[in-house]
């Protein structure tokens, strides 16, 4: 969220490169924090799950889920950082489409296919998150590299009058 606000301020001031720098700093910061969460979820999954309940069956099932879902922390930090820049630059439709596509067209089918159809249980269901976040981050990278995020989305007053 802060990347979006700070990027919008920089873009409004005509400082696009500062907006890109804001995204990069936010991306590195969030990725580093995500690595810490990933490591904690890898090393202490049972202890983390015990924060929610002390039910051994739930903890055993939760550990199966975290086994694959923990990778989501790494990819989501990248995806959300790209989205911050795109939202700040006024490209909210791309962010909406990318989020809906990743959630509905990727996450749900992957979770169903790997978890239920291929009978990998909660470990397979947990795979939906990281796959969707990876695709979302990849789409974000491609949109960023295309430069289309730099195109203005808000019309100037003169342009509104001539339409």
Foldseek 3Di string as FASTA:
>chain_A
DVLQVVLLVCVVVVNNVVSVVSLVVQLVVQLVVLVVQLVCCVPPVLVVVVVVPPDPVCSVLSNLLSVQLSLLSNLQSLLVSLVSNLVSLVNVVVVVVLVCCLVPVQLVVQLCCQCPVVPSNSNRNSNSNNVSSNSSSVVSVVCVVVCPSNDHDDDDPVVVVVD
